[in-house]
Protein backbone atom coordinates (compact mmCIF):
# COMPACT_ATOMS: atom_id res chain seq x y z
CA UNK A 1 81.87 -24.09 116.97
CA UNK A 2 79.64 -22.01 114.66
CA UNK A 3 80.61 -24.15 111.67
CA UNK A 4 79.87 -27.31 113.63
CA UNK A 5 76.39 -26.03 114.55
CA UNK A 6 75.67 -25.07 110.96
CA UNK A 7 76.75 -28.51 109.79
CA UNK A 8 74.58 -30.24 112.40
CA UNK A 9 71.61 -28.06 111.51
CA UNK A 10 72.04 -28.96 107.85
CA UNK A 11 72.04 -32.65 108.70
CA UNK A 12 68.93 -32.40 110.82
CA UNK A 13 66.92 -29.89 108.77
CA UNK A 14 63.69 -31.34 107.49
CA UNK A 15 64.26 -34.77 109.06
CA UNK A 16 62.46 -35.80 112.20
CA UNK A 17 63.87 -38.60 114.37
CA UNK A 18 61.08 -41.08 113.53
CA UNK A 19 62.00 -40.92 109.85
CA UNK A 20 65.71 -41.62 110.27
CA UNK A 21 67.09 -45.13 109.98
CA UNK A 22 69.18 -46.58 112.77
CA UNK A 23 71.96 -47.12 110.25
CA UNK A 24 71.77 -43.77 108.49
CA UNK A 25 74.75 -41.43 108.45
CA UNK A 26 73.39 -38.59 110.56
CA UNK A 27 74.60 -36.17 113.22
CA UNK A 28 75.80 -37.90 116.37
CA UNK A 29 73.55 -35.83 118.62
CA UNK A 30 70.45 -36.64 116.56
CA UNK A 31 71.43 -40.31 116.43
CA UNK A 32 72.00 -40.39 120.19
CA UNK A 33 68.64 -38.72 120.79
CA UNK A 34 66.90 -41.31 118.61
CA UNK A 35 68.51 -44.21 120.47
CA UNK A 36 67.81 -42.72 123.92
CA UNK A 37 64.23 -41.69 123.21
CA UNK A 38 62.86 -44.06 120.59
CA UNK A 39 64.52 -47.39 121.40
CA UNK A 40 66.30 -47.53 124.76
CA UNK A 41 63.55 -45.41 126.38
CA UNK A 42 65.91 -44.13 129.08
CA UNK A 43 63.29 -41.70 130.44
CA UNK A 44 61.11 -44.63 131.41
CA UNK A 45 63.41 -45.46 134.32
CA UNK A 46 65.48 -42.30 134.81
CA UNK A 47 62.97 -39.41 134.60
CA UNK A 48 60.41 -38.71 137.36
CA UNK A 49 56.73 -38.72 136.46
CA UNK A 50 53.99 -36.26 137.21
CA UNK A 51 50.26 -36.27 136.64
CA UNK A 52 50.78 -35.59 132.92
CA UNK A 53 53.65 -37.97 132.29
CA UNK A 54 57.38 -37.36 132.44
CA UNK A 55 58.54 -34.31 134.40
CA UNK A 56 60.92 -32.99 131.77
CA UNK A 57 61.96 -30.08 133.98
CA UNK A 58 63.75 -32.72 136.06
CA UNK A 59 64.67 -34.95 133.14
CA UNK A 60 67.09 -37.81 133.89
CA UNK A 61 67.29 -36.85 137.57
CA UNK A 62 66.05 -40.28 138.68
CA UNK A 63 62.90 -42.28 138.20
CA UNK A 64 59.77 -42.58 140.30
CA UNK A 65 59.33 -46.33 140.03
CA UNK A 66 60.92 -48.69 142.54
CA UNK A 67 62.15 -51.98 141.11
CA UNK A 68 61.72 -54.71 143.69
CA UNK A 69 63.11 -58.22 143.81
CA UNK A 70 64.19 -60.61 146.53
CA UNK A 71 67.69 -59.18 146.73
CA UNK A 72 67.37 -55.56 145.61
CA UNK A 73 65.15 -52.48 145.73
CA UNK A 74 66.20 -49.61 143.48
CA UNK A 75 65.04 -46.66 141.46
CA UNK A 76 66.53 -45.47 138.20
CA UNK A 77 69.51 -43.29 139.08
CA UNK A 78 70.33 -39.71 138.25
CA UNK A 79 71.88 -39.67 134.76
CA UNK A 80 71.75 -35.91 134.32
CA UNK A 81 75.04 -34.06 133.98
CA UNK A 82 75.09 -32.92 137.60
CA UNK A 83 78.66 -33.55 138.77
CA UNK A 84 77.84 -34.55 142.33
CA UNK A 85 74.62 -36.57 142.08
CA UNK A 86 74.53 -37.41 138.37
CA UNK A 87 77.00 -38.54 135.71
CA UNK A 88 78.70 -35.20 135.11
CA UNK A 89 81.89 -36.40 136.78
CA UNK A 90 81.96 -39.83 135.12
CA UNK A 91 84.43 -40.68 132.38
CA UNK A 92 83.23 -42.08 129.07
CA UNK A 93 84.70 -45.45 130.04
CA UNK A 94 82.70 -45.40 133.28
CA UNK A 95 79.52 -44.67 131.34
CA UNK A 96 80.24 -47.48 128.89
CA UNK A 97 80.76 -49.90 131.77
CA UNK A 98 77.45 -48.90 133.34
CA UNK A 99 75.50 -49.13 130.10
CA UNK A 100 76.80 -52.42 128.69
CA UNK A 101 78.36 -54.18 131.67
CA UNK A 102 76.14 -53.12 134.57
CA UNK A 103 79.08 -51.75 136.54
CA UNK A 104 78.88 -48.43 138.38
CA UNK A 105 81.66 -46.48 140.10
CA UNK A 106 80.64 -48.07 143.40
CA UNK A 107 80.22 -51.62 142.14
CA UNK A 108 77.63 -53.81 140.48
CA UNK A 109 74.36 -52.16 139.45
CA UNK A 110 71.11 -53.93 140.25
CA UNK A 111 69.69 -56.18 137.49
CA UNK A 112 66.97 -53.59 136.83
CA UNK A 113 69.60 -51.88 134.66
CA UNK A 114 69.22 -53.79 131.35
CA UNK A 115 72.90 -53.89 130.47
CA UNK A 116 72.50 -57.33 128.95
CA UNK A 117 70.17 -55.83 126.34
CA UNK A 118 72.52 -52.92 125.65
CA UNK A 119 75.49 -55.21 125.01
CA UNK A 120 74.30 -55.26 121.41
CA UNK A 121 75.07 -51.55 120.86
CA UNK A 122 77.49 -50.95 118.02
CA UNK A 123 80.52 -48.92 119.03
CA UNK A 124 79.17 -45.93 117.14
CA UNK A 125 75.74 -46.15 118.73
CA UNK A 126 77.13 -46.49 122.23
CA UNK A 127 79.28 -43.41 121.67
CA UNK A 128 76.26 -41.56 120.28
CA UNK A 129 74.21 -42.36 123.40
CA UNK A 130 77.01 -41.14 125.66
CA UNK A 131 77.47 -38.02 123.55
CA UNK A 132 73.77 -37.22 123.70
CA UNK A 133 73.62 -37.63 127.48
CA UNK A 134 76.65 -35.40 127.88
CA UNK A 135 75.35 -32.62 125.66
CA UNK A 136 71.62 -32.69 126.31
CA UNK A 137 71.04 -33.86 129.89
CA UNK A 138 70.67 -30.65 131.91
CA UNK A 139 72.35 -30.96 135.32
CA UNK A 140 69.75 -31.63 138.02
CA UNK A 141 70.84 -32.11 141.61
CA UNK A 142 68.97 -35.09 143.00
CA UNK A 143 70.47 -37.58 145.41
CA UNK A 144 69.46 -41.24 145.35
CA UNK A 145 66.39 -42.16 147.37
CA UNK A 146 67.26 -43.67 150.78
CA UNK A 147 66.88 -47.33 151.57
CA UNK A 148 67.93 -48.69 148.19
CA UNK A 149 69.69 -52.06 148.00
CA UNK A 150 71.96 -53.06 145.12
CA UNK A 151 73.24 -56.30 146.59
CA UNK A 152 71.91 -58.57 143.87
CA UNK A 153 74.12 -60.88 141.88
CA UNK A 154 74.00 -59.98 138.19
CA UNK A 155 73.56 -62.73 135.64
CA UNK A 156 73.17 -61.50 132.06
CA UNK A 157 70.28 -62.76 129.95
CA UNK A 158 70.96 -61.37 126.46
CA UNK A 159 68.86 -62.30 123.47
CA UNK A 160 70.33 -65.20 121.50
CA UNK A 161 72.44 -63.66 118.77
CA UNK A 162 72.77 -60.35 120.63
CA UNK A 163 75.31 -61.36 123.26
CA UNK A 164 77.84 -58.75 122.19
CA UNK A 165 78.35 -55.59 120.18
CA UNK A 166 76.96 -55.70 116.64
CA UNK A 167 79.10 -54.82 113.68
CA UNK A 168 77.75 -51.91 111.64
CA UNK A 169 77.69 -54.00 108.48
CA UNK A 170 75.41 -56.58 110.11
CA UNK A 171 72.65 -53.99 110.35
CA UNK A 172 72.29 -53.99 106.58
CA UNK A 173 70.54 -57.34 106.99
CA UNK A 174 66.86 -56.79 107.79
CA UNK A 175 66.49 -59.68 110.23
CA UNK A 176 69.69 -58.81 112.08
CA UNK A 177 68.59 -55.19 112.28
CA UNK A 178 65.28 -56.39 113.75
CA UNK A 179 67.13 -58.43 116.36
CA UNK A 180 69.26 -55.39 117.17
CA UNK A 181 66.18 -53.21 117.62
CA UNK A 182 64.49 -55.89 119.75
CA UNK A 183 67.54 -56.11 122.00
CA UNK A 184 68.04 -52.36 122.48
CA UNK A 185 64.28 -51.85 123.01
CA UNK A 186 64.27 -54.79 125.49
CA UNK A 187 61.23 -56.42 123.90
CA UNK A 188 61.93 -59.89 125.26
CA UNK A 189 62.90 -58.67 128.72
CA UNK A 190 59.13 -58.31 129.16
CA UNK A 191 57.73 -60.79 126.65
CA UNK A 192 59.85 -63.90 127.21
CA UNK A 193 58.60 -66.33 129.81
CA UNK A 194 60.60 -66.46 133.02
CA UNK A 195 62.46 -69.10 134.99
CA UNK A 196 63.60 -68.17 138.51
CA UNK A 197 62.45 -64.56 137.99
CA UNK A 198 64.66 -64.08 134.92
CA UNK A 199 63.85 -64.12 131.18
CA UNK A 200 64.26 -67.62 129.78
CA UNK A 201 65.05 -66.87 126.16
CA UNK A 202 66.35 -70.37 125.52
CA UNK A 203 63.05 -72.10 126.30
CA UNK A 204 60.37 -69.40 126.46
CA UNK A 205 61.36 -66.76 123.91
CA UNK A 206 58.34 -64.51 123.37
CA UNK A 207 55.99 -66.72 125.42
CA UNK A 208 54.81 -63.84 127.63
CA UNK A 209 53.39 -64.24 131.10
CA UNK A 210 55.41 -61.68 133.06
CA UNK A 211 53.15 -59.86 135.54
CA UNK A 212 53.28 -56.07 135.89
CA UNK A 213 51.60 -54.29 138.79
CA UNK A 214 51.10 -50.61 138.04
CA UNK A 215 48.89 -47.82 139.43
CA UNK A 216 46.55 -48.58 136.52
CA UNK A 217 46.20 -52.22 137.58
CA UNK A 218 47.72 -55.58 136.77
CA UNK A 219 48.91 -56.42 133.25
CA UNK A 220 50.37 -59.64 131.88
CA UNK A 221 52.89 -59.53 129.05
CA UNK A 222 51.45 -61.01 125.88
CA UNK A 223 52.74 -63.97 123.94
CA UNK A 224 54.43 -62.41 120.90
CA UNK A 225 55.84 -65.61 119.44
CA UNK A 226 54.72 -66.79 116.01
CA UNK A 227 52.11 -69.16 117.47
CA UNK A 228 49.00 -68.77 115.30
CA UNK A 229 46.44 -68.69 118.11
CA UNK A 230 48.31 -67.94 121.35
CA UNK A 231 50.87 -65.62 119.84
CA UNK A 232 50.91 -63.10 117.00
CA UNK A 233 51.54 -65.48 114.12
CA UNK A 234 48.15 -64.73 112.55
CA UNK A 235 48.47 -60.97 112.94
CA UNK A 236 49.07 -58.82 109.86
CA UNK A 237 52.19 -56.68 109.79
CA UNK A 238 50.12 -53.52 110.16
CA UNK A 239 48.39 -54.96 113.22
CA UNK A 240 51.73 -55.72 114.84
CA UNK A 241 53.03 -52.25 114.05
CA UNK A 242 49.90 -50.67 115.52
CA UNK A 243 50.38 -52.61 118.75
CA UNK A 244 54.01 -51.50 119.02
CA UNK A 245 53.20 -47.93 118.05
CA UNK A 246 50.89 -46.23 118.99
CA UNK A 247 49.79 -49.05 121.30
CA UNK A 248 46.51 -50.38 119.93
CA UNK A 249 45.82 -54.11 120.07
CA UNK A 250 44.37 -56.23 117.29
CA UNK A 251 40.83 -55.84 118.67
CA UNK A 252 41.13 -52.04 118.78
CA UNK A 253 41.61 -51.83 122.54
CA UNK A 254 44.55 -49.81 123.89
CA UNK A 255 47.40 -51.85 125.32
CA UNK A 256 47.93 -51.61 129.07
CA UNK A 257 50.81 -50.03 130.98
CA UNK A 258 53.75 -50.31 130.91
CA UNK A 259 53.51 -51.04 127.18
CA UNK A 260 51.17 -48.12 126.62
CA UNK A 261 53.75 -45.69 128.00
CA UNK A 262 56.53 -47.19 125.92
CA UNK A 263 54.39 -47.17 122.78
CA UNK A 264 53.24 -43.57 123.02
CA UNK A 265 56.27 -41.89 124.59
CA UNK A 266 59.02 -43.86 122.86
CA UNK A 267 58.24 -46.44 120.19
CA UNK A 268 56.04 -43.93 118.37
CA UNK A 269 59.35 -42.29 117.40
CA UNK A 270 60.73 -45.48 115.89
CA UNK A 271 61.80 -45.13 112.26
CA UNK A 272 59.75 -46.99 109.62
CA UNK A 273 62.82 -49.03 108.63
CA UNK A 274 63.50 -50.15 112.19
CA UNK A 275 59.83 -50.94 112.78
CA UNK A 276 59.70 -53.01 109.58
CA UNK A 277 62.83 -54.88 110.64
CA UNK A 278 61.49 -55.52 114.14
CA UNK A 279 58.29 -57.03 112.75
CA UNK A 280 60.30 -59.15 110.30
CA UNK A 281 62.42 -60.48 113.18
CA UNK A 282 59.36 -61.22 115.31
CA UNK A 283 58.15 -63.49 112.49
CA UNK A 284 61.24 -65.65 113.11
CA UNK A 285 60.46 -66.26 116.82
CA UNK A 286 59.41 -69.91 117.15
CA UNK A 287 55.81 -70.54 118.28
CA UNK A 288 55.37 -70.87 122.04
CA UNK A 289 52.33 -72.24 123.85
């Protein structure tokens, strides 16, 4: 155990998560932390919030936000290592099923769980996420809020080209890496136009228009297609990067929630290589009116 800790410390010494590539050979715990915190942003749904942001004393014990739709009303569940109310008693296979298939021990999870986006995880990355949750999520006893309904039918809406697990070698290609990052970070779950309350990637990829109602007010997801006037086609790379992290729009105004939370609390930790790849992939999104 001591040797293992020394080895892990040597791998991590002098290297912060934002500076590590998604495809670098690094310690599994550090890799899992990067995926959970910088890209998948698990805290956004699974950690309660206080006046100053995430309540890290109760990290992963369940989110504060209720996700409402016609057929379900849920909050992010307890994914701490508590054995009774969290995932401490789950097998690795059960965790994999929940993350990439949307299946919990008691049946289908509500569509608020973005399993279709996480289908892209490479085998190594999925194992790293599970390993990080197992080793770093302090057990917090917190039962699910009453009155939740999970009775929604689940229809996956993965990004085109990210319908299944990526091969590690594919991530050496910059555009494919950008697609991978976009899928895991769920960019188009917010920024694609919708049909029947679901992202329509086939016809409205990056078109924006999704409405978010938050305590800070109403926000509408922007068009991030390559359209020169209605999208971001005329934006410089640095302007796009600034909007993603730290959340400053082209005109200098801060972006609105929920993007502002994601930008500052999560995407700010994104590695330069992954951010470069994401911007390169966004350039390939066809223009949408």
